[in-house]
């Protein structure tokens, strides 16, 4: 039988945060899906409605936390999948740097858009 390999150390910090963010994303995605597909149907979702929702500080903070959590979960997952495929040495460091910068850029841009939509900038 093939040996199981994972770049995550069971019980380690990376392993813990990957699971913690997954749990949060399930809840946040359910909230997001319920609000934008059942409370407000797709045809009712408008730019002005989005602005109105983002003006609610609780909603704004939830969506920013959703963005940060999703970015971390995605970047961490892709990085560890590549490490599991045998990424090593300089390539591993370069990929980590590129993914980290891409994740930070995504969070910065998304936060900026959320703040503008919420009328805070």
PDB file of N, CA and C in Angstrom:
ATOM      1  N   UNK A   1       0.844  -1.173   0.000  1.00  0.00           N
ATOM      2  CA  UNK A   1       0.000   0.000   0.000  1.00  0.00           C
ATOM      3  C   UNK A   1       0.890   1.237   0.000  1.00  0.00           C
ATOM      4  N   UNK A   2       0.474   2.262  -0.690  1.00  0.00           N
ATOM      5  CA  UNK A   2       1.257   3.495  -0.774  1.00  0.00           C
ATOM      6  C   UNK A   2       1.292   4.186   0.578  1.00  0.00           C
ATOM      7  N   UNK A   3       2.429   4.779   0.861  1.00  0.00           N
ATOM      8  CA  UNK A   3       2.600   5.496   2.106  1.00  0.00           C
ATOM      9  C   UNK A   3       1.958   6.873   1.993  1.00  0.00           C
ATOM     10  N   UNK A   4       1.243   7.269   3.018  1.00  0.00           N
ATOM     11  CA  UNK A   4       0.598   8.577   3.037  1.00  0.00           C
ATOM     12  C   UNK A   4       1.631   9.628   3.374  1.00  0.00           C
ATOM     13  N   UNK A   5       1.655  10.716   2.569  1.00  0.00           N
ATOM     14  CA  UNK A   5       2.575  11.813   2.840  1.00  0.00           C
ATOM     15  C   UNK A   5       1.797  13.109   2.834  1.00  0.00           C
ATOM     16  N   UNK A   6       2.090  13.946   3.783  1.00  0.00           N
ATOM     17  CA  UNK A   6       1.485  15.275   3.822  1.00  0.00           C
ATOM     18  C   UNK A   6       2.519  16.258   4.324  1.00  0.00           C
ATOM     19  N   UNK A   7       2.544  17.436   3.713  1.00  0.00           N
ATOM     20  CA  UNK A   7       3.459  18.472   4.179  1.00  0.00           C
ATOM     21  C   UNK A   7       2.963  19.089   5.479  1.00  0.00           C
ATOM     22  N   UNK A   8       1.699  18.833   5.831  1.00  0.00           N
ATOM     23  CA  UNK A   8       1.177  19.305   7.104  1.00  0.00           C
ATOM     24  C   UNK A   8       1.619  18.361   8.208  1.00  0.00           C
ATOM     25  N   UNK A   9       2.157  18.915   9.276  1.00  0.00           N
ATOM     26  CA  UNK A   9       2.464  18.118  10.450  1.00  0.00           C
ATOM     27  C   UNK A   9       1.171  17.988  11.246  1.00  0.00           C
ATOM     28  N   UNK A  10       0.650  16.772  11.417  1.00  0.00           N
ATOM     29  CA  UNK A  10      -0.596  16.637  12.177  1.00  0.00           C
ATOM     30  C   UNK A  10      -0.475  17.303  13.539  1.00  0.00           C
ATOM     31  N   UNK A  11      -1.431  18.166  13.829  1.00  0.00           N
ATOM     32  CA  UNK A  11      -1.404  18.885  15.094  1.00  0.00           C
ATOM     33  C   UNK A  11      -0.547  20.139  15.050  1.00  0.00           C
ATOM     34  N   UNK A  12       0.131  20.406  13.923  1.00  0.00           N
ATOM     35  CA  UNK A  12       0.965  21.597  13.788  1.00  0.00           C
ATOM     36  C   UNK A  12       0.131  22.834  13.515  1.00  0.00           C
ATOM     37  N   UNK A  13       0.781  23.985  13.528  1.00  0.00           N
ATOM     38  CA  UNK A  13       0.103  25.257  13.328  1.00  0.00           C
ATOM     39  C   UNK A  13      -0.538  25.348  11.948  1.00  0.00           C
ATOM     40  N   UNK A  14       0.206  24.984  10.897  1.00  0.00           N
ATOM     41  CA  UNK A  14      -0.354  25.021   9.545  1.00  0.00           C
ATOM     42  C   UNK A  14      -1.557  24.115   9.403  1.00  0.00           C
ATOM     43  N   UNK A  15      -1.448  22.933   9.948  1.00  0.00           N
ATOM     44  CA  UNK A  15      -2.544  21.965   9.924  1.00  0.00           C
ATOM     45  C   UNK A  15      -3.761  22.541  10.657  1.00  0.00           C
ATOM     46  N   UNK A  16      -3.528  23.116  11.843  1.00  0.00           N
ATOM     47  CA  UNK A  16      -4.610  23.677  12.651  1.00  0.00           C
ATOM     48  C   UNK A  16      -5.303  24.823  11.929  1.00  0.00           C
ATOM     49  N   UNK A  17      -4.531  25.775  11.382  1.00  0.00           N
ATOM     50  CA  UNK A  17      -5.137  26.923  10.706  1.00  0.00           C
ATOM     51  C   UNK A  17      -5.859  26.520   9.424  1.00  0.00           C
ATOM     52  N   UNK A  18      -5.380  25.500   8.733  1.00  0.00           N
ATOM     53  CA  UNK A  18      -6.079  25.035   7.533  1.00  0.00           C
ATOM     54  C   UNK A  18      -7.451  24.495   7.918  1.00  0.00           C
ATOM     55  N   UNK A  19      -7.529  23.761   9.015  1.00  0.00           N
ATOM     56  CA  UNK A  19      -8.816  23.220   9.471  1.00  0.00           C
ATOM     57  C   UNK A  19      -9.711  24.311  10.035  1.00  0.00           C
ATOM     58  N   UNK A  20      -9.124  25.237  10.801  1.00  0.00           N
ATOM     59  CA  UNK A  20      -9.895  26.335  11.389  1.00  0.00           C
ATOM     60  C   UNK A  20     -10.496  27.212  10.297  1.00  0.00           C
ATOM     61  N   UNK A  21      -9.701  27.565   9.284  1.00  0.00           N
ATOM     62  CA  UNK A  21     -10.220  28.394   8.203  1.00  0.00           C
ATOM     63  C   UNK A  21     -11.269  27.629   7.398  1.00  0.00           C
ATOM     64  N   UNK A  22     -11.092  26.329   7.235  1.00  0.00           N
ATOM     65  CA  UNK A  22     -12.098  25.539   6.518  1.00  0.00           C
ATOM     66  C   UNK A  22     -13.439  25.582   7.254  1.00  0.00           C
ATOM     67  N   UNK A  23     -13.407  25.436   8.558  1.00  0.00           N
ATOM     68  CA  UNK A  23     -14.640  25.473   9.346  1.00  0.00           C
ATOM     69  C   UNK A  23     -15.310  26.843   9.243  1.00  0.00           C
ATOM     70  N   UNK A  24     -14.515  27.907   9.345  1.00  0.00           N
ATOM     71  CA  UNK A  24     -15.079  29.249   9.223  1.00  0.00           C
ATOM     72  C   UNK A  24     -15.659  29.466   7.823  1.00  0.00           C
ATOM     73  N   UNK A  25     -14.948  29.002   6.792  1.00  0.00           N
ATOM     74  CA  UNK A  25     -15.419  29.199   5.424  1.00  0.00           C
ATOM     75  C   UNK A  25     -16.738  28.476   5.159  1.00  0.00           C
ATOM     76  N   UNK A  26     -16.927  27.325   5.751  1.00  0.00           N
ATOM     77  CA  UNK A  26     -18.196  26.612   5.585  1.00  0.00           C
ATOM     78  C   UNK A  26     -19.339  27.462   6.139  1.00  0.00           C
ATOM     79  N   UNK A  27     -19.140  28.035   7.314  1.00  0.00           N
ATOM     80  CA  UNK A  27     -20.180  28.851   7.942  1.00  0.00           C
ATOM     81  C   UNK A  27     -20.384  30.154   7.160  1.00  0.00           C
ATOM     82  N   UNK A  28     -19.291  30.840   6.826  1.00  0.00           N
ATOM     83  CA  UNK A  28     -19.391  32.114   6.110  1.00  0.00           C
ATOM     84  C   UNK A  28     -19.985  31.919   4.715  1.00  0.00           C
ATOM     85  N   UNK A  29     -19.593  30.845   4.042  1.00  0.00           N
ATOM     86  CA  UNK A  29     -20.141  30.582   2.718  1.00  0.00           C
ATOM     87  C   UNK A  29     -21.630  30.266   2.798  1.00  0.00           C
ATOM     88  N   UNK A  30     -22.038  29.534   3.819  1.00  0.00           N
ATOM     89  CA  UNK A  30     -23.466  29.242   4.006  1.00  0.00           C
ATOM     90  C   UNK A  30     -24.239  30.543   4.234  1.00  0.00           C
ATOM     91  N   UNK A  31     -23.716  31.433   5.078  1.00  0.00           N
ATOM     92  CA  UNK A  31     -24.340  32.736   5.325  1.00  0.00           C
ATOM     93  C   UNK A  31     -24.429  33.532   4.034  1.00  0.00           C
ATOM     94  N   UNK A  32     -23.314  33.611   3.315  1.00  0.00           N
ATOM     95  CA  UNK A  32     -23.249  34.367   2.063  1.00  0.00           C
ATOM     96  C   UNK A  32     -24.236  33.803   1.037  1.00  0.00           C
ATOM     97  N   UNK A  33     -24.249  32.496   0.880  1.00  0.00           N
ATOM     98  CA  UNK A  33     -25.137  31.853  -0.084  1.00  0.00           C
ATOM     99  C   UNK A  33     -26.596  32.055   0.306  1.00  0.00           C
ATOM    100  N   UNK A  34     -26.918  31.884   1.581  1.00  0.00           N
ATOM    101  CA  UNK A  34     -28.292  32.061   2.055  1.00  0.00           C
ATOM    102  C   UNK A  34     -28.759  33.488   1.806  1.00  0.00           C
ATOM    103  N   UNK A  35     -27.924  34.465   2.169  1.00  0.00           N
ATOM    104  CA  UNK A  35     -28.305  35.865   2.037  1.00  0.00           C
ATOM    105  C   UNK A  35     -28.473  36.276   0.578  1.00  0.00           C
ATOM    106  N   UNK A  36     -27.560  35.843  -0.282  1.00  0.00           N
ATOM    107  CA  UNK A  36     -27.573  36.320  -1.667  1.00  0.00           C
ATOM    108  C   UNK A  36     -28.294  35.393  -2.646  1.00  0.00           C
ATOM    109  N   UNK A  37     -28.839  34.284  -2.176  1.00  0.00           N
ATOM    110  CA  UNK A  37     -29.566  33.403  -3.086  1.00  0.00           C
ATOM    111  C   UNK A  37     -30.947  33.028  -2.577  1.00  0.00           C
ATOM    112  N   UNK A  38     -31.195  33.209  -1.282  1.00  0.00           N
ATOM    113  CA  UNK A  38     -32.506  32.888  -0.750  1.00  0.00           C
ATOM    114  C   UNK A  38     -33.219  34.126  -0.214  1.00  0.00           C
ATOM    115  N   UNK A  39     -32.522  34.941   0.578  1.00  0.00           N
ATOM    116  CA  UNK A  39     -33.124  36.171   1.080  1.00  0.00           C
ATOM    117  C   UNK A  39     -33.260  37.162  -0.076  1.00  0.00           C
ATOM    118  N   UNK A  40     -32.173  37.385  -0.807  1.00  0.00           N
ATOM    119  CA  UNK A  40     -32.172  38.216  -2.014  1.00  0.00           C
ATOM    120  C   UNK A  40     -31.878  37.288  -3.178  1.00  0.00           C
ATOM    121  N   UNK A  41     -32.782  37.183  -4.102  1.00  0.00           N
ATOM    122  CA  UNK A  41     -32.561  36.321  -5.261  1.00  0.00           C
ATOM    123  C   UNK A  41     -31.569  36.987  -6.200  1.00  0.00           C
ATOM    124  N   UNK A  42     -30.920  36.197  -7.042  1.00  0.00           N
ATOM    125  CA  UNK A  42     -29.843  36.685  -7.896  1.00  0.00           C
ATOM    126  C   UNK A  42     -30.248  37.926  -8.693  1.00  0.00           C
ATOM    127  N   UNK A  43     -31.444  37.946  -9.209  1.00  0.00           N
ATOM    128  CA  UNK A  43     -31.871  39.091 -10.010  1.00  0.00           C
ATOM    129  C   UNK A  43     -32.086  40.344  -9.160  1.00  0.00           C
ATOM    130  N   UNK A  44     -32.205  40.187  -7.846  1.00  0.00           N
ATOM    131  CA  UNK A  44     -32.391  41.331  -6.946  1.00  0.00           C
ATOM    132  C   UNK A  44     -31.078  41.913  -6.440  1.00  0.00           C
ATOM    133  N   UNK A  45     -29.970  41.233  -6.667  1.00  0.00           N
ATOM    134  CA  UNK A  45     -28.671  41.706  -6.196  1.00  0.00           C
ATOM    135  C   UNK A  45     -28.183  42.788  -7.147  1.00  0.00           C
ATOM    136  N   UNK A  46     -28.066  44.002  -6.619  1.00  0.00           N
ATOM    137  CA  UNK A  46     -27.644  45.147  -7.424  1.00  0.00           C
ATOM    138  C   UNK A  46     -26.446  45.816  -6.772  1.00  0.00           C
ATOM    139  N   UNK A  47     -25.832  46.701  -7.537  1.00  0.00           N
ATOM    140  CA  UNK A  47     -24.701  47.471  -7.021  1.00  0.00           C
ATOM    141  C   UNK A  47     -25.127  48.299  -5.805  1.00  0.00           C
ATOM    142  N   UNK A  48     -26.264  48.969  -5.901  1.00  0.00           N
ATOM    143  CA  UNK A  48     -26.746  49.789  -4.782  1.00  0.00           C
ATOM    144  C   UNK A  48     -27.074  48.928  -3.560  1.00  0.00           C
ATOM    145  N   UNK A  49     -27.626  47.741  -3.805  1.00  0.00           N
ATOM    146  CA  UNK A  49     -27.913  46.834  -2.702  1.00  0.00           C
ATOM    147  C   UNK A  49     -26.638  46.365  -2.015  1.00  0.00           C
ATOM    148  N   UNK A  50     -25.620  46.109  -2.826  1.00  0.00           N
ATOM    149  CA  UNK A  50     -24.323  45.713  -2.271  1.00  0.00           C
ATOM    150  C   UNK A  50     -23.743  46.843  -1.437  1.00  0.00           C
ATOM    151  N   UNK A  51     -23.833  48.059  -1.947  1.00  0.00           N
ATOM    152  CA  UNK A  51     -23.358  49.210  -1.172  1.00  0.00           C
ATOM    153  C   UNK A  51     -24.104  49.320   0.153  1.00  0.00           C
ATOM    154  N   UNK A  52     -25.396  49.126   0.119  1.00  0.00           N
ATOM    155  CA  UNK A  52     -26.208  49.211   1.344  1.00  0.00           C
ATOM    156  C   UNK A  52     -25.793  48.137   2.350  1.00  0.00           C
ATOM    157  N   UNK A  53     -25.561  46.909   1.871  1.00  0.00           N
ATOM    158  CA  UNK A  53     -25.128  45.841   2.786  1.00  0.00           C
ATOM    159  C   UNK A  53     -23.759  46.155   3.372  1.00  0.00           C
ATOM    160  N   UNK A  54     -22.847  46.689   2.550  1.00  0.00           N
ATOM    161  CA  UNK A  54     -21.489  46.976   3.016  1.00  0.00           C
ATOM    162  C   UNK A  54     -21.449  48.144   4.005  1.00  0.00           C
ATOM    163  N   UNK A  55     -22.490  48.969   4.027  1.00  0.00           N
ATOM    164  CA  UNK A  55     -22.544  50.061   4.999  1.00  0.00           C
ATOM    165  C   UNK A  55     -22.833  49.555   6.409  1.00  0.00           C
ATOM    166  N   UNK A  56     -23.332  48.332   6.512  1.00  0.00           N
ATOM    167  CA  UNK A  56     -23.538  47.696   7.813  1.00  0.00           C
ATOM    168  C   UNK A  56     -22.184  47.165   8.281  1.00  0.00           C
ATOM    169  N   UNK A  57     -21.663  47.690   9.383  1.00  0.00           N
ATOM    170  CA  UNK A  57     -20.309  47.365   9.836  1.00  0.00           C
ATOM    171  C   UNK A  57     -20.138  45.873  10.115  1.00  0.00           C
ATOM    172  N   UNK A  58     -21.169  45.224  10.618  1.00  0.00           N
ATOM    173  CA  UNK A  58     -21.086  43.786  10.884  1.00  0.00           C
ATOM    174  C   UNK A  58     -20.924  42.994   9.596  1.00  0.00           C
ATOM    175  N   UNK A  59     -21.699  43.357   8.589  1.00  0.00           N
ATOM    176  CA  UNK A  59     -21.608  42.687   7.291  1.00  0.00           C
ATOM    177  C   UNK A  59     -20.248  42.955   6.661  1.00  0.00           C
ATOM    178  N   UNK A  60     -19.807  44.215   6.699  1.00  0.00           N
ATOM    179  CA  UNK A  60     -18.514  44.596   6.122  1.00  0.00           C
ATOM    180  C   UNK A  60     -17.379  43.790   6.761  1.00  0.00           C
ATOM    181  N   UNK A  61     -17.358  43.749   8.082  1.00  0.00           N
ATOM    182  CA  UNK A  61     -16.297  43.003   8.777  1.00  0.00           C
ATOM    183  C   UNK A  61     -16.370  41.505   8.486  1.00  0.00           C
ATOM    184  N   UNK A  62     -17.590  40.975   8.388  1.00  0.00           N
ATOM    185  CA  UNK A  62     -17.746  39.557   8.059  1.00  0.00           C
ATOM    186  C   UNK A  62     -17.189  39.267   6.672  1.00  0.00           C
ATOM    187  N   UNK A  63     -17.481  40.122   5.706  1.00  0.00           N
ATOM    188  CA  UNK A  63     -17.001  39.905   4.341  1.00  0.00           C
ATOM    189  C   UNK A  63     -15.479  40.074   4.237  1.00  0.00           C
ATOM    190  N   UNK A  64     -14.915  41.010   5.003  1.00  0.00           N
ATOM    191  CA  UNK A  64     -13.449  41.163   5.009  1.00  0.00           C
ATOM    192  C   UNK A  64     -12.805  39.936   5.658  1.00  0.00           C
ATOM    193  N   UNK A  65     -13.381  39.465   6.751  1.00  0.00           N
ATOM    194  CA  UNK A  65     -12.862  38.254   7.395  1.00  0.00           C
ATOM    195  C   UNK A  65     -13.016  37.042   6.464  1.00  0.00           C
ATOM    196  N   UNK A  66     -14.105  36.985   5.732  1.00  0.00           N
ATOM    197  CA  UNK A  66     -14.331  35.938   4.736  1.00  0.00           C
ATOM    198  C   UNK A  66     -13.230  35.983   3.678  1.00  0.00           C
ATOM    199  N   UNK A  67     -12.912  37.173   3.207  1.00  0.00           N
ATOM    200  CA  UNK A  67     -11.857  37.356   2.202  1.00  0.00           C
ATOM    201  C   UNK A  67     -10.489  36.921   2.728  1.00  0.00           C
ATOM    202  N   UNK A  68     -10.126  37.385   3.904  1.00  0.00           N
ATOM    203  CA  UNK A  68      -8.819  37.055   4.491  1.00  0.00           C
ATOM    204  C   UNK A  68      -8.713  35.550   4.722  1.00  0.00           C
ATOM    205  N   UNK A  69      -9.758  34.970   5.270  1.00  0.00           N
ATOM    206  CA  UNK A  69      -9.762  33.539   5.557  1.00  0.00           C
ATOM    207  C   UNK A  69      -9.663  32.714   4.268  1.00  0.00           C
ATOM    208  N   UNK A  70     -10.432  33.096   3.262  1.00  0.00           N
ATOM    209  CA  UNK A  70     -10.406  32.363   1.987  1.00  0.00           C
ATOM    210  C   UNK A  70      -9.043  32.488   1.313  1.00  0.00           C
ATOM    211  N   UNK A  71      -8.456  33.685   1.367  1.00  0.00           N
ATOM    212  CA  UNK A  71      -7.138  33.884   0.754  1.00  0.00           C
ATOM    213  C   UNK A  71      -6.090  33.020   1.459  1.00  0.00           C
ATOM    214  N   UNK A  72      -6.085  33.044   2.787  1.00  0.00           N
ATOM    215  CA  UNK A  72      -5.127  32.217   3.523  1.00  0.00           C
ATOM    216  C   UNK A  72      -5.337  30.738   3.223  1.00  0.00           C
ATOM    217  N   UNK A  73      -6.581  30.303   3.292  1.00  0.00           N
ATOM    218  CA  UNK A  73      -6.894  28.888   3.089  1.00  0.00           C
ATOM    219  C   UNK A  73      -6.465  28.440   1.688  1.00  0.00           C
ATOM    220  N   UNK A  74      -6.749  29.260   0.704  1.00  0.00           N
ATOM    221  CA  UNK A  74      -6.394  28.917  -0.671  1.00  0.00           C
ATOM    222  C   UNK A  74      -4.903  28.903  -0.911  1.00  0.00           C
ATOM    223  N   UNK A  75      -4.221  29.957  -0.476  1.00  0.00           N
ATOM    224  CA  UNK A  75      -2.771  30.037  -0.678  1.00  0.00           C
ATOM    225  C   UNK A  75      -2.065  28.921   0.085  1.00  0.00           C
ATOM    226  N   UNK A  76      -2.452  28.706   1.319  1.00  0.00           N
ATOM    227  CA  UNK A  76      -1.840  27.657   2.127  1.00  0.00           C
ATOM    228  C   UNK A  76      -2.094  26.276   1.519  1.00  0.00           C
ATOM    229  N   UNK A  77      -3.299  26.063   1.024  1.00  0.00           N
ATOM    230  CA  UNK A  77      -3.629  24.779   0.410  1.00  0.00           C
ATOM    231  C   UNK A  77      -2.850  24.528  -0.869  1.00  0.00           C
ATOM    232  N   UNK A  78      -2.756  25.549  -1.732  1.00  0.00           N
ATOM    233  CA  UNK A  78      -2.004  25.391  -2.984  1.00  0.00           C
ATOM    234  C   UNK A  78      -0.530  25.144  -2.676  1.00  0.00           C
ATOM    235  N   UNK A  79       0.023  25.922  -1.754  1.00  0.00           N
ATOM    236  CA  UNK A  79       1.438  25.768  -1.393  1.00  0.00           C
ATOM    237  C   UNK A  79       1.715  24.352  -0.886  1.00  0.00           C
ATOM    238  N   UNK A  80       0.896  23.878   0.023  1.00  0.00           N
ATOM    239  CA  UNK A  80       1.124  22.545   0.582  1.00  0.00           C
ATOM    240  C   UNK A  80       0.870  21.444  -0.432  1.00  0.00           C
ATOM    241  N   UNK A  81      -0.057  21.653  -1.359  1.00  0.00           N
ATOM    242  CA  UNK A  81      -0.256  20.672  -2.431  1.00  0.00           C
ATOM    243  C   UNK A  81       1.006  20.588  -3.293  1.00  0.00           C
ATOM    244  N   UNK A  82       1.612  21.734  -3.596  1.00  0.00           N
ATOM    245  CA  UNK A  82       2.843  21.735  -4.394  1.00  0.00           C
ATOM    246  C   UNK A  82       4.001  21.084  -3.624  1.00  0.00           C
ATOM    247  N   UNK A  83       4.079  21.346  -2.335  1.00  0.00           N
ATOM    248  CA  UNK A  83       5.115  20.713  -1.509  1.00  0.00           C
ATOM    249  C   UNK A  83       4.897  19.201  -1.501  1.00  0.00           C
ATOM    250  N   UNK A  84       3.646  18.774  -1.414  1.00  0.00           N
ATOM    251  CA  UNK A  84       3.335  17.337  -1.443  1.00  0.00           C
ATOM    252  C   UNK A  84       3.730  16.699  -2.768  1.00  0.00           C
ATOM    253  N   UNK A  85       3.763  17.494  -3.833  1.00  0.00           N
ATOM    254  CA  UNK A  85       4.153  16.979  -5.152  1.00  0.00           C
ATOM    255  C   UNK A  85       5.665  16.959  -5.338  1.00  0.00           C
ATOM    256  N   UNK A  86       6.401  17.437  -4.339  1.00  0.00           N
ATOM    257  CA  UNK A  86       7.850  17.344  -4.399  1.00  0.00           C
ATOM    258  C   UNK A  86       8.591  18.651  -4.574  1.00  0.00           C
ATOM    259  N   UNK A  87       7.923  19.770  -4.424  1.00  0.00           N
ATOM    260  CA  UNK A  87       8.577  21.073  -4.531  1.00  0.00           C
ATOM    261  C   UNK A  87       9.612  21.212  -3.429  1.00  0.00           C
ATOM    262  N   UNK A  88      10.838  21.604  -3.800  1.00  0.00           N
ATOM    263  CA  UNK A  88      11.927  21.693  -2.814  1.00  0.00           C
ATOM    264  C   UNK A  88      12.839  22.866  -3.132  1.00  0.00           C
ATOM    265  N   UNK A  89      13.679  23.186  -2.173  1.00  0.00           N
ATOM    266  CA  UNK A  89      14.767  24.131  -2.372  1.00  0.00           C
ATOM    267  C   UNK A  89      14.337  25.521  -2.776  1.00  0.00           C
ATOM    268  N   UNK A  90      15.050  26.075  -3.750  1.00  0.00           N
ATOM    269  CA  UNK A  90      14.819  27.445  -4.203  1.00  0.00           C
ATOM    270  C   UNK A  90      13.426  27.598  -4.795  1.00  0.00           C
ATOM    271  N   UNK A  91      12.994  26.602  -5.561  1.00  0.00           N
ATOM    272  CA  UNK A  91      11.652  26.674  -6.147  1.00  0.00           C
ATOM    273  C   UNK A  91      10.584  26.802  -5.062  1.00  0.00           C
ATOM    274  N   UNK A  92      10.760  26.078  -3.975  1.00  0.00           N
ATOM    275  CA  UNK A  92       9.807  26.127  -2.870  1.00  0.00           C
ATOM    276  C   UNK A  92       9.752  27.532  -2.275  1.00  0.00           C
ATOM    277  N   UNK A  93      10.925  28.163  -2.101  1.00  0.00           N
ATOM    278  CA  UNK A  93      10.972  29.515  -1.545  1.00  0.00           C
ATOM    279  C   UNK A  93      10.355  30.535  -2.496  1.00  0.00           C
ATOM    280  N   UNK A  94      10.624  30.380  -3.787  1.00  0.00           N
ATOM    281  CA  UNK A  94      10.077  31.307  -4.777  1.00  0.00           C
ATOM    282  C   UNK A  94       8.555  31.178  -4.838  1.00  0.00           C
ATOM    283  N   UNK A  95       8.062  29.951  -4.880  1.00  0.00           N
ATOM    284  CA  UNK A  95       6.610  29.726  -4.926  1.00  0.00           C
ATOM    285  C   UNK A  95       5.945  30.277  -3.675  1.00  0.00           C
ATOM    286  N   UNK A  96       6.557  30.066  -2.519  1.00  0.00           N
ATOM    287  CA  UNK A  96       6.001  30.614  -1.277  1.00  0.00           C
ATOM    288  C   UNK A  96       5.932  32.131  -1.350  1.00  0.00           C
ATOM    289  N   UNK A  97       6.989  32.771  -1.833  1.00  0.00           N
ATOM    290  CA  UNK A  97       7.010  34.235  -1.945  1.00  0.00           C
ATOM    291  C   UNK A  97       5.946  34.729  -2.928  1.00  0.00           C
ATOM    292  N   UNK A  98       5.838  34.078  -4.081  1.00  0.00           N
ATOM    293  CA  UNK A  98       4.854  34.492  -5.096  1.00  0.00           C
ATOM    294  C   UNK A  98       3.431  34.314  -4.565  1.00  0.00           C
ATOM    295  N   UNK A  99       3.154  33.173  -3.960  1.00  0.00           N
ATOM    296  CA  UNK A  99       1.814  32.930  -3.423  1.00  0.00           C
ATOM    297  C   UNK A  99       1.481  33.896  -2.279  1.00  0.00           C
ATOM    298  N   UNK A 100       2.473  34.173  -1.435  1.00  0.00           N
ATOM    299  CA  UNK A 100       2.252  35.108  -0.330  1.00  0.00           C
ATOM    300  C   UNK A 100       1.947  36.501  -0.858  1.00  0.00           C
ATOM    301  N   UNK A 101       2.733  36.960  -1.828  1.00  0.00           N
ATOM    302  CA  UNK A 101       2.486  38.290  -2.421  1.00  0.00           C
ATOM    303  C   UNK A 101       1.130  38.339  -3.120  1.00  0.00           C
ATOM    304  N   UNK A 102       0.786  37.285  -3.837  1.00  0.00           N
ATOM    305  CA  UNK A 102      -0.513  37.239  -4.518  1.00  0.00           C
ATOM    306  C   UNK A 102      -1.658  37.274  -3.495  1.00  0.00           C
ATOM    307  N   UNK A 103      -1.516  36.519  -2.411  1.00  0.00           N
ATOM    308  CA  UNK A 103      -2.540  36.517  -1.362  1.00  0.00           C
ATOM    309  C   UNK A 103      -2.680  37.868  -0.693  1.00  0.00           C
ATOM    310  N   UNK A 104      -1.551  38.508  -0.396  1.00  0.00           N
ATOM    311  CA  UNK A 104      -1.588  39.842   0.219  1.00  0.00           C
ATOM    312  C   UNK A 104      -2.196  40.875  -0.725  1.00  0.00           C
ATOM    313  N   UNK A 105      -1.855  40.786  -2.016  1.00  0.00           N
ATOM    314  CA  UNK A 105      -2.421  41.709  -3.001  1.00  0.00           C
ATOM    315  C   UNK A 105      -3.932  41.513  -3.111  1.00  0.00           C
ATOM    316  N   UNK A 106      -4.371  40.261  -3.109  1.00  0.00           N
ATOM    317  CA  UNK A 106      -5.798  39.960  -3.164  1.00  0.00           C
ATOM    318  C   UNK A 106      -6.524  40.536  -1.957  1.00  0.00           C
ATOM    319  N   UNK A 107      -5.967  40.342  -0.780  1.00  0.00           N
ATOM    320  CA  UNK A 107      -6.596  40.847   0.445  1.00  0.00           C
ATOM    321  C   UNK A 107      -6.600  42.380   0.451  1.00  0.00           C
ATOM    322  N   UNK A 108      -5.502  42.993   0.036  1.00  0.00           N
ATOM    323  CA  UNK A 108      -5.440  44.459   0.004  1.00  0.00           C
ATOM    324  C   UNK A 108      -6.477  45.024  -0.964  1.00  0.00           C
ATOM    325  N   UNK A 109      -6.543  44.479  -2.173  1.00  0.00           N
ATOM    326  CA  UNK A 109      -7.504  44.966  -3.168  1.00  0.00           C
ATOM    327  C   UNK A 109      -8.941  44.709  -2.718  1.00  0.00           C
ATOM    328  N   UNK A 110      -9.211  43.527  -2.215  1.00  0.00           N
ATOM    329  CA  UNK A 110     -10.561  43.200  -1.758  1.00  0.00           C
ATOM    330  C   UNK A 110     -11.007  44.052  -0.586  1.00  0.00           C
ATOM    331  N   UNK A 111     -10.089  44.314   0.342  1.00  0.00           N
ATOM    332  CA  UNK A 111     -10.406  45.173   1.486  1.00  0.00           C
ATOM    333  C   UNK A 111     -10.672  46.595   1.022  1.00  0.00           C
ATOM    334  N   UNK A 112      -9.855  47.068   0.091  1.00  0.00           N
ATOM    335  CA  UNK A 112     -10.058  48.415  -0.455  1.00  0.00           C
ATOM    336  C   UNK A 112     -11.440  48.527  -1.106  1.00  0.00           C
ATOM    337  N   UNK A 113     -11.797  47.557  -1.935  1.00  0.00           N
ATOM    338  CA  UNK A 113     -13.101  47.578  -2.600  1.00  0.00           C
ATOM    339  C   UNK A 113     -14.219  47.539  -1.563  1.00  0.00           C
ATOM    340  N   UNK A 114     -14.090  46.694  -0.555  1.00  0.00           N
ATOM    341  CA  UNK A 114     -15.119  46.592   0.493  1.00  0.00           C
ATOM    342  C   UNK A 114     -15.274  47.919   1.222  1.00  0.00           C
ATOM    343  N   UNK A 115     -14.169  48.564   1.553  1.00  0.00           N
ATOM    344  CA  UNK A 115     -14.234  49.842   2.260  1.00  0.00           C
ATOM    345  C   UNK A 115     -14.848  50.936   1.384  1.00  0.00           C
ATOM    346  N   UNK A 116     -14.508  50.934   0.105  1.00  0.00           N
ATOM    347  CA  UNK A 116     -15.113  51.907  -0.821  1.00  0.00           C
ATOM    348  C   UNK A 116     -16.614  51.645  -0.937  1.00  0.00           C
ATOM    349  N   UNK A 117     -16.970  50.365  -1.091  1.00  0.00           N
ATOM    350  CA  UNK A 117     -18.398  50.016  -1.199  1.00  0.00           C
ATOM    351  C   UNK A 117     -19.161  50.376   0.076  1.00  0.00           C
ATOM    352  N   UNK A 118     -18.478  50.306   1.214  1.00  0.00           N
ATOM    353  CA  UNK A 118     -19.101  50.653   2.482  1.00  0.00           C
ATOM    354  C   UNK A 118     -19.088  52.137   2.771  1.00  0.00           C
ATOM    355  N   UNK A 119     -18.529  52.933   1.861  1.00  0.00           N
ATOM    356  CA  UNK A 119     -18.498  54.379   2.028  1.00  0.00           C
ATOM    357  C   UNK A 119     -17.502  54.862   3.057  1.00  0.00           C
ATOM    358  N   UNK A 120     -16.501  54.046   3.356  1.00  0.00           N
ATOM    359  CA  UNK A 120     -15.515  54.430   4.375  1.00  0.00           C
ATOM    360  C   UNK A 120     -14.276  55.081   3.771  1.00  0.00           C
ATOM    361  N   UNK A 121     -14.143  54.996   2.472  1.00  0.00           N
ATOM    362  CA  UNK A 121     -13.019  55.662   1.791  1.00  0.00           C
ATOM    363  C   UNK A 121     -13.610  56.541   0.710  1.00  0.00           C
TER     364      UNK A 121
END
